[in-house]
Amino acid sequence: MTTTSFRAEHDAALSAEAERFLYEEADLLDDWRLPEWLELFLPEGQYLVPSTDLPDGDPGRDLFLVQDDRFLLEQRIGSLMKRSAHAEYPHSRTRRMISNVVAGADAEGRIHIRANFAVFRMRNGAFDTYVGCYRHVLERNEDGALRYLVRRAVLDLAALRPHGKVSIIL
């Protein structure tokens, strides 16, 4: 869906529902309730973070910072929740700010969400800020709840410095 058609198909009620969904997700992530967060994904769901030099990259052919299917995402969460995950133990303190949420549905009934984000991460006296745009694709599960088909976090950073890595869920 192009940006132009996305705006033309904007749905105010769906945008409000998407905004609530993103706020609830932010609470789960900021509270490190990662197993609960995983339940926001469909079985075929993907979590994608494209490289900073190719934000519109295709996961089938381009290098991504994170390119997890449901199985890999379960493994990532399992690692992050253990004390042996030195990059995140003790867990970072994070706060997510989400704005400019716009949602619309395509002809197949998939829900496309665009939103801006800032994730503030505090750990070991360091303060990092990740800024970008979400470009998500969701579907409703059998109960009618929104669930991720594709969760895509596009960073606006030119590079990951001084961060060097993405050890948290954006």
Protein backbone atom coordinates (compact mmCIF):
# COMPACT_ATOMS: atom_id res chain seq x y z
CA MET A 1 0.00 0.00 0.00
CA THR A 2 1.51 3.30 -0.98
CA THR A 3 1.62 6.25 1.38
CA THR A 4 -0.91 8.11 -0.79
CA SER A 5 -3.46 5.29 -0.82
CA PHE A 6 -2.80 4.63 2.86
CA ARG A 7 -3.80 8.19 3.73
CA ALA A 8 -6.83 7.97 1.46
CA GLU A 9 -7.99 4.83 3.25
CA HIS A 10 -7.35 6.21 6.73
CA ASP A 11 -9.98 5.10 9.21
CA ALA A 12 -10.34 7.23 12.37
CA ALA A 13 -11.95 4.47 14.46
CA LEU A 14 -9.34 1.94 13.35
CA SER A 15 -6.57 4.45 14.09
CA ALA A 16 -7.92 4.89 17.64
CA GLU A 17 -7.98 1.10 18.10
CA ALA A 18 -4.45 0.82 16.70
CA GLU A 19 -3.26 3.57 19.03
CA ARG A 20 -4.65 1.70 22.06
CA PHE A 21 -3.00 -1.50 20.81
CA LEU A 22 0.39 0.24 20.49
CA TYR A 23 0.08 1.86 23.93
CA GLU A 24 -0.73 -1.50 25.55
CA GLU A 25 2.21 -3.07 23.70
CA ALA A 26 4.50 -0.29 24.94
CA ASP A 27 3.45 -1.04 28.52
CA LEU A 28 4.23 -4.75 28.07
CA LEU A 29 7.68 -3.97 26.66
CA ASP A 30 8.55 -1.28 29.21
CA ASP A 31 7.56 -3.69 32.01
CA TRP A 32 9.63 -6.52 30.46
CA ARG A 33 6.55 -8.72 30.10
CA LEU A 34 8.02 -10.27 26.97
CA PRO A 35 6.20 -13.63 27.07
CA GLU A 36 2.88 -11.70 27.14
CA TRP A 37 4.14 -9.45 24.34
CA LEU A 38 4.88 -12.50 22.19
CA GLU A 39 1.17 -13.33 22.29
CA LEU A 40 0.55 -10.22 20.15
CA PHE A 41 1.97 -12.14 17.16
CA LEU A 42 0.19 -14.50 14.82
CA PRO A 43 1.93 -17.89 14.37
CA GLU A 44 3.30 -16.66 11.02
CA GLY A 45 4.21 -13.24 12.45
CA GLN A 46 7.55 -11.52 11.85
CA TYR A 47 9.56 -8.94 13.78
CA LEU A 48 11.74 -6.82 11.47
CA VAL A 49 14.28 -4.05 11.99
CA PRO A 50 15.85 -3.09 8.64
CA SER A 51 19.41 -1.82 8.44
CA THR A 52 19.79 1.92 8.95
CA ASP A 53 21.09 2.40 5.40
CA LEU A 54 18.20 0.55 3.72
CA PRO A 55 14.99 1.34 5.65
CA ASP A 56 12.73 0.06 2.85
CA GLY A 57 14.70 -3.14 2.45
CA ASP A 58 13.16 -6.46 1.51
CA PRO A 59 13.74 -9.18 4.14
CA GLY A 60 13.94 -11.75 1.33
CA ARG A 61 17.07 -10.21 -0.17
CA ASP A 62 18.50 -7.47 2.09
CA LEU A 63 20.42 -7.50 5.36
CA PHE A 64 18.33 -6.65 8.44
CA LEU A 65 19.39 -5.85 11.99
CA VAL A 66 16.58 -8.12 13.19
CA GLN A 67 14.65 -10.57 11.02
CA ASP A 68 12.78 -12.95 13.32
CA ASP A 69 9.96 -15.29 12.53
CA ARG A 70 7.85 -16.57 15.43
CA PHE A 71 10.31 -19.35 16.31
CA LEU A 72 13.33 -17.00 16.39
CA LEU A 73 11.34 -14.43 18.32
CA GLU A 74 10.52 -17.05 20.97
CA GLN A 75 14.26 -17.86 21.19
CA ARG A 76 15.15 -14.15 21.48
CA ILE A 77 12.65 -13.66 24.30
CA GLY A 78 13.83 -16.80 26.06
CA SER A 79 17.40 -15.46 25.98
CA LEU A 80 16.46 -11.94 27.07
CA MET A 81 14.59 -13.27 30.10
CA LYS A 82 17.60 -15.23 31.42
CA ARG A 83 20.34 -13.92 33.68
CA SER A 84 22.87 -15.19 31.17
CA ALA A 85 21.79 -12.50 28.66
CA HIS A 86 24.59 -10.14 29.73
CA ALA A 87 23.50 -7.45 27.27
CA GLU A 88 20.21 -7.18 29.15
CA TYR A 89 20.83 -8.34 32.70
CA PRO A 90 19.94 -6.51 34.70
CA HIS A 91 17.20 -5.44 32.28
CA SER A 92 17.38 -2.02 30.72
CA ARG A 93 14.82 0.48 31.87
CA THR A 94 12.90 1.70 28.84
CA ARG A 95 10.18 4.19 28.06
CA ARG A 96 8.40 4.28 24.74
CA MET A 97 6.72 7.31 23.23
CA ILE A 98 4.37 6.71 20.31
CA SER A 99 2.77 9.41 18.19
CA ASN A 100 1.14 10.17 14.85
CA VAL A 101 -0.68 6.83 14.71
CA VAL A 102 -2.56 6.28 11.46
CA ALA A 103 -4.29 3.04 10.46
CA GLY A 104 -6.19 1.79 7.45
CA ALA A 105 -7.28 -1.53 6.00
CA ASP A 106 -6.35 -2.90 2.59
CA ALA A 107 -8.57 -4.89 0.22
CA GLU A 108 -7.60 -8.17 1.95
CA GLY A 109 -8.65 -6.82 5.35
CA ARG A 110 -5.11 -6.45 6.64
CA ILE A 111 -4.58 -3.46 8.89
CA HIS A 112 -1.64 -1.20 8.12
CA ILE A 113 -0.35 1.00 10.92
CA ARG A 114 2.16 3.81 10.67
CA ALA A 115 3.37 5.58 13.79
CA ASN A 116 6.41 7.45 15.03
CA PHE A 117 8.32 6.17 18.03
CA ALA A 118 11.05 7.09 20.44
CA VAL A 119 12.45 4.44 22.76
CA PHE A 120 14.54 5.72 25.65
CA ARG A 121 16.86 3.10 27.17
CA MET A 122 18.68 3.51 30.48
CA ARG A 123 21.24 0.92 31.56
CA ASN A 124 24.46 1.03 33.59
CA GLY A 125 24.49 4.81 33.66
CA ALA A 126 24.10 5.11 29.87
CA PHE A 127 21.14 6.74 28.17
CA ASP A 128 20.33 5.79 24.57
CA THR A 129 17.55 7.03 22.33
CA TYR A 130 16.18 5.10 19.38
CA VAL A 131 13.92 7.09 17.05
CA GLY A 132 11.98 5.88 14.05
CA CYS A 133 8.75 4.87 12.42
CA TYR A 134 6.63 1.77 12.85
CA ARG A 135 5.23 0.22 9.68
CA HIS A 136 3.14 -2.66 10.92
CA VAL A 137 0.77 -5.06 9.22
CA LEU A 138 -1.83 -6.71 11.46
CA GLU A 139 -4.73 -9.09 11.11
CA ARG A 140 -7.48 -9.99 13.51
CA ASN A 141 -7.28 -13.37 15.22
CA GLU A 142 -10.28 -15.66 15.68
CA ASP A 143 -11.41 -13.55 18.68
CA GLY A 144 -11.25 -10.33 16.65
CA ALA A 145 -8.17 -9.01 18.48
CA LEU A 146 -5.40 -7.27 16.56
CA ARG A 147 -2.29 -9.41 16.08
CA TYR A 148 0.99 -8.83 14.25
CA LEU A 149 1.60 -10.30 10.86
CA VAL A 150 4.59 -7.97 10.40
CA ARG A 151 6.01 -5.74 13.11
CA ARG A 152 8.52 -3.45 11.42
CA ALA A 153 10.55 -0.83 13.31
CA VAL A 154 12.42 1.49 10.94
CA LEU A 155 15.18 3.44 12.67
CA ASP A 156 15.85 7.02 11.64
CA LEU A 157 19.41 6.81 12.97
CA ALA A 158 22.21 7.08 10.42
CA ALA A 159 24.05 4.37 12.36
CA LEU A 160 23.70 2.52 15.65
CA ARG A 161 26.50 4.49 17.27
CA PRO A 162 26.84 5.10 20.15
CA HIS A 163 24.41 2.22 20.72
CA GLY A 164 26.36 -0.33 18.68
CA LYS A 165 23.59 -2.91 18.92
CA VAL A 166 19.91 -3.42 19.44
CA SER A 167 19.57 -5.68 22.49
CA ILE A 168 16.04 -4.55 23.34
CA ILE A 169 12.78 -4.90 21.47
CA LEU A 170 12.15 -1.68 19.61
